[in-house]
Amino acid sequence: MKEGKGRARLTRRTLLDELTAGLVALIEEGGYQIGDRLPSMSALAAHFGVATPTLREAARRLEAAGTITFRHGSGIFVTGDSRRLVIANPARTELGDQTTLDVLDTRLLIEPELARRAAERATHEQLAAIGGLLDEARQAIEAADEQSLTPLNMRFHVAIARAAGNQVLTEALQSVVELYEPQQSVIGQIYADPWRDHNEHRDIYDALVRKDATAAHDLMRRHLEGVLAVVSATLRREKERD
């Protein structure tokens, strides 16, 4: 049996797989966050003991997955969760009011059950992270920092989804949030009651801490239903005026 040629192909494929996994491990274990710059390509190649072109081929896999990006003259930067399974496609046509309502309706279908699961499964570290996001959001409200507030609030919702322990649903929600970021900004502008929003988030968080799954589910549902009602009524009035 001729094994040489087949073994060479397997070795090449395995090497790229191992390098890709090694890069993911380096990002995760090295504490790199979105926006952080990674070591240079030559430094990474030396770290893994491979030629730079081979390392670059593995890195291109992560670029295709949206985990890293190459910026000419600047270096390699982390742009997404290295464990992501679902990637938002930014190629889309102009979106209108119905899309904004559909975004909220989609979240209403997903997030209450994720909150229930998070109350059952969240670790102390995950709860601490969620609480930290609440504190940052409060500071943004007090500073009237509207630009920071909406992303912080969305990170709060995604963090709860992550604590539920279902990566596919977490990635789905995160993709909705990222792909429809303009709609999320519109929703925040229309709702325009940051303290009410924050207090409802605090109530949801308290239910998670108590591990009260039913309360977490119901509070999340009422929260999103309330936002949907306000946004729907506002968009309807604007349409009638037009």
Foldseek 3Di string as FASTA:
>chain_A
DDCVVVVVVVVLVVVLVVLLVVVLCCCVVVVADAFDFDDALVVSCVVVVHDSVSSVVSVVVCVVVQQWDQDPPPHIGGHDNSPADDAADLDDDDDDLVVLLVLLVVCLVQQLQLLLLLLQQADPVLLVVLVVLLVVLVVCVVVVVLVPNLVSLLVSSLSSNVSSPDRVSSNVNVNSCVNVVVSSSVLCVQVVPSVVLSVLSVQLSVSSVVSVSVSNSVSVNVSSVVSSVRSVVVVVVVVVVD
